[in-house]
Structure formats: structure tokens, C-alpha cells
C-alpha atoms as a PDB file:
ATOM      1  CA  MET A   1     -22.222  12.576  38.398  1.00  0.00           C
ATOM      2  CA  SER A   2     -24.504  15.609  39.071  1.00  0.00           C
ATOM      3  CA  GLU A   3     -28.104  15.844  37.731  1.00  0.00           C
ATOM      4  CA  SER A   4     -26.932  18.105  35.350  1.00  0.00           C
ATOM      5  CA  GLU A   5     -24.572  15.850  33.784  1.00  0.00           C
ATOM      6  CA  LYS A   6     -27.735  13.659  32.790  1.00  0.00           C
ATOM      7  CA  VAL A   7     -30.571  14.519  29.787  1.00  0.00           C
ATOM      8  CA  VAL A   8     -33.541  12.386  30.246  1.00  0.00           C
ATOM      9  CA  LEU A   9     -34.980  11.491  26.580  1.00  0.00           C
ATOM     10  CA  THR A  10     -38.545  10.996  26.331  1.00  0.00           C
ATOM     11  CA  SER A  11     -38.268   7.465  24.409  1.00  0.00           C
ATOM     12  CA  ARG A  12     -39.441   4.539  26.257  1.00  0.00           C
ATOM     13  CA  ASP A  13     -36.993   2.742  25.860  1.00  0.00           C
ATOM     14  CA  VAL A  14     -34.184   4.845  26.462  1.00  0.00           C
ATOM     15  CA  GLY A  15     -34.428   6.703  29.966  1.00  0.00           C
ATOM     16  CA  THR A  16     -31.763   8.424  31.626  1.00  0.00           C
ATOM     17  CA  VAL A  17     -28.292   8.588  29.293  1.00  0.00           C
ATOM     18  CA  ASN A  18     -24.930  10.499  30.196  1.00  0.00           C
ATOM     19  CA  VAL A  19     -23.995  12.833  27.717  1.00  0.00           C
ATOM     20  CA  ALA A  20     -20.726  12.180  27.742  1.00  0.00           C
ATOM     21  CA  ASP A  21     -22.273   8.912  25.851  1.00  0.00           C
ATOM     22  CA  LEU A  22     -23.519  10.566  23.334  1.00  0.00           C
ATOM     23  CA  VAL A  23     -20.729  12.468  22.351  1.00  0.00           C
ATOM     24  CA  LYS A  24     -17.902  11.723  19.877  1.00  0.00           C
ATOM     25  CA  PRO A  25     -14.289  11.407  21.723  1.00  0.00           C
ATOM     26  CA  ARG A  26     -11.831  14.289  20.804  1.00  0.00           C
ATOM     27  CA  ARG A  27      -8.656  12.736  19.877  1.00  0.00           C
ATOM     28  CA  PRO A  28      -5.546  14.371  21.870  1.00  0.00           C
ATOM     29  CA  ARG A  29      -3.964  17.346  19.966  1.00  0.00           C
ATOM     30  CA  ALA A  30      -0.259  17.274  19.385  1.00  0.00           C
ATOM     31  CA  SER A  31       1.622  19.911  20.130  1.00  0.00           C
ATOM     32  CA  LEU A  32       3.576  22.590  17.893  1.00  0.00           C
ATOM     33  CA  SER A  33       6.429  21.405  18.352  1.00  0.00           C
ATOM     34  CA  ASP A  34       5.278  17.137  18.596  1.00  0.00           C
ATOM     35  CA  PHE A  35       3.909  18.409  15.108  1.00  0.00           C
ATOM     36  CA  ILE A  36       7.181  19.939  13.178  1.00  0.00           C
ATOM     37  CA  LYS A  37       9.271  16.771  15.124  1.00  0.00           C
ATOM     38  CA  ALA A  38       6.824  14.020  13.355  1.00  0.00           C
ATOM     39  CA  TYR A  39       6.431  16.126  10.451  1.00  0.00           C
ATOM     40  CA  GLN A  40      10.101  16.872   9.741  1.00  0.00           C
ATOM     41  CA  THR A  41      11.077  13.840  10.375  1.00  0.00           C
ATOM     42  CA  SER A  42       8.540  11.432   8.173  1.00  0.00           C
ATOM     43  CA  LYS A  43       8.337  11.066   4.408  1.00  0.00           C
ATOM     44  CA  SER A  44       4.009  11.543   3.943  1.00  0.00           C
ATOM     45  CA  TYR A  45       1.211  12.633   5.286  1.00  0.00           C
ATOM     46  CA  GLU A  46       0.458   9.258   6.236  1.00  0.00           C
ATOM     47  CA  GLU A  47       2.916   8.550   7.625  1.00  0.00           C
ATOM     48  CA  VAL A  48       3.034  11.614  10.320  1.00  0.00           C
ATOM     49  CA  ALA A  49      -0.625  10.667  10.775  1.00  0.00           C
ATOM     50  CA  ARG A  50       0.239   6.818  12.034  1.00  0.00           C
ATOM     51  CA  LYS A  51       2.951   8.738  14.540  1.00  0.00           C
ATOM     52  CA  LEU A  52       0.247  11.650  15.559  1.00  0.00           C
ATOM     53  CA  GLY A  53      -2.830   9.480  15.758  1.00  0.00           C
ATOM     54  CA  MET A  54      -4.213  11.320  13.383  1.00  0.00           C
ATOM     55  CA  THR A  55      -5.969  11.444   9.682  1.00  0.00           C
ATOM     56  CA  ALA A  56      -3.677  12.179   6.792  1.00  0.00           C
ATOM     57  CA  ILE A  57      -6.156  15.030   5.961  1.00  0.00           C
ATOM     58  CA  SER A  58      -5.998  16.318   9.729  1.00  0.00           C
ATOM     59  CA  VAL A  59      -2.341  16.310   8.786  1.00  0.00           C
ATOM     60  CA  GLN A  60      -2.441  18.519   5.616  1.00  0.00           C
ATOM     61  CA  ALA A  61      -5.024  20.773   6.706  1.00  0.00           C
ATOM     62  CA  ARG A  62      -2.983  21.678   9.801  1.00  0.00           C
ATOM     63  CA  THR A  63       0.194  21.656   7.413  1.00  0.00           C
ATOM     64  CA  VAL A  64      -1.250  24.606   5.725  1.00  0.00           C
ATOM     65  CA  ARG A  65      -2.887  26.375   8.809  1.00  0.00           C
ATOM     66  CA  GLU A  66       1.186  26.365  10.175  1.00  0.00           C
ATOM     67  CA  ARG A  67       2.437  27.822   6.996  1.00  0.00           C
ATOM     68  CA  LYS A  68      -0.019  30.552   6.984  1.00  0.00           C
ATOM     69  CA  ARG A  69       1.277  31.170  10.555  1.00  0.00           C
ATOM     70  CA  GLY A  70       4.850  31.464   9.534  1.00  0.00           C
ATOM     71  CA  VAL A  71       6.500  27.609  10.128  1.00  0.00           C
ATOM     72  CA  HIS A  72       8.738  26.705   7.916  1.00  0.00           C
ATOM     73  CA  LEU A  73       7.532  23.262   7.619  1.00  0.00           C
ATOM     74  CA  LYS A  74       9.782  21.171   4.252  1.00  0.00           C
ATOM     75  CA  ARG A  75       7.577  19.963   1.318  1.00  0.00           C
ATOM     76  CA  PHE A  76       6.949  16.495   0.788  1.00  0.00           C
ATOM     77  CA  GLU A  77       7.805  14.987  -2.804  1.00  0.00           C
ATOM     78  CA  ARG A  78       5.142  14.746  -4.662  1.00  0.00           C
ATOM     79  CA  GLN A  79       4.228  10.567  -4.542  1.00  0.00           C
ATOM     80  CA  GLY A  80       3.862   8.727  -8.147  1.00  0.00           C
ATOM     81  CA  GLY A  81       0.608   7.241  -8.747  1.00  0.00           C
ATOM     82  CA  GLY A  82      -1.652   8.960 -10.111  1.00  0.00           C
ATOM     83  CA  CYS A  83      -2.675   8.541 -14.674  1.00  0.00           C
ATOM     84  CA  ARG A  84       0.813  10.011 -16.249  1.00  0.00           C
ATOM     85  CA  ILE A  85      -0.497  11.335 -18.997  1.00  0.00           C
ATOM     86  CA  THR A  86       2.246  10.591 -22.226  1.00  0.00           C
ATOM     87  CA  GLN A  87       2.766  13.834 -25.110  1.00  0.00           C
ATOM     88  CA  ALA A  88       1.258  10.504 -27.474  1.00  0.00           C
ATOM     89  CA  ASP A  89      -1.644  10.678 -25.010  1.00  0.00           C
ATOM     90  CA  ILE A  90      -2.336  14.611 -25.221  1.00  0.00           C
ATOM     91  CA  ASP A  91      -1.349  13.953 -28.600  1.00  0.00           C
ATOM     92  CA  ALA A  92      -4.466  11.785 -29.109  1.00  0.00           C
ATOM     93  CA  ALA A  93      -7.068  13.856 -27.389  1.00  0.00           C
ATOM     94  CA  ASN A  94      -5.814  17.160 -29.699  1.00  0.00           C
ATOM     95  CA  ALA A  95      -6.713  14.918 -32.307  1.00  0.00           C
ATOM     96  CA  LEU A  96     -10.145  13.609 -31.228  1.00  0.00           C
ATOM     97  CA  ILE A  97     -11.285  17.538 -30.337  1.00  0.00           C
ATOM     98  CA  ALA A  98     -10.250  18.453 -33.809  1.00  0.00           C
ATOM     99  CA  GLU A  99     -12.212  15.562 -35.218  1.00  0.00           C
ATOM    100  CA  LEU A 100     -15.514  16.302 -33.294  1.00  0.00           C
ATOM    101  CA  ALA A 101     -15.033  19.674 -34.441  1.00  0.00           C
ATOM    102  CA  GLN A 102     -15.479  18.988 -37.765  1.00  0.00           C
ATOM    103  CA  ASN A 103     -17.924  17.264 -37.707  1.00  0.00           C
ATOM    104  CA  GLY A 104     -20.186  19.928 -35.447  1.00  0.00           C
ATOM    105  CA  ASN A 105     -20.298  17.563 -32.204  1.00  0.00           C
ATOM    106  CA  VAL A 106     -18.443  20.739 -30.115  1.00  0.00           C
ATOM    107  CA  LEU A 107     -21.484  22.543 -27.552  1.00  0.00           C
ATOM    108  CA  VAL A 108     -20.681  25.578 -27.311  1.00  0.00           C
END
């Protein structure tokens, strides 16, 4: 290790520190072909992330970037799970809005 790789901090308790120890290690980036193989054979962003050692958010971001570049990646089916709003829920919400409007409780 050369002297240029060391940093001396002014704190009495620390002393000499290797700069590499202060930097968060980078994950290896998947090549485009590896990304495409993992993506096209998966059913979700999470599955791609597991295969490549990435986070699901990183997979989503890379998917958007590659599509902007012209790569024709498949679209995943939407996963269920969120709140399902039925027509009855919508009708109840609209009735509540109408009731509030009649009572003058609507801010404009």
C-alpha cells in the first residue's frame, strides 16, 4: 500500500486509515446480456434482483434505462396485492363527497 492510499485523520483515536475501508463496496454490474437473460426468464423485478445480486429498485431503474435505449424487454404482469377498489367503494366515496358538499364542508 502506497502512502497516497492512506489518509491521516486529525482525531487522536483514529490514526491512519485506508481510504478503501471508508468507501462502500460496489456490487458487480451485470452485463447487458446477463441482465437480459435474467430479466426475460423471470416473473418479477424481485426475481431478477435475486439472480443478479441487485435490489428490485435497481432492476426497475435499469429496465427503464434499457427500454429508453431501445431494448425490447418484456413487461411483467402486475402483481396483485394493493387495495382493490370496487364500484361499491367508489359509490360510497362519491356519496360522502356529495354529503360534505351539501353541509358546506368542502374547501376550494
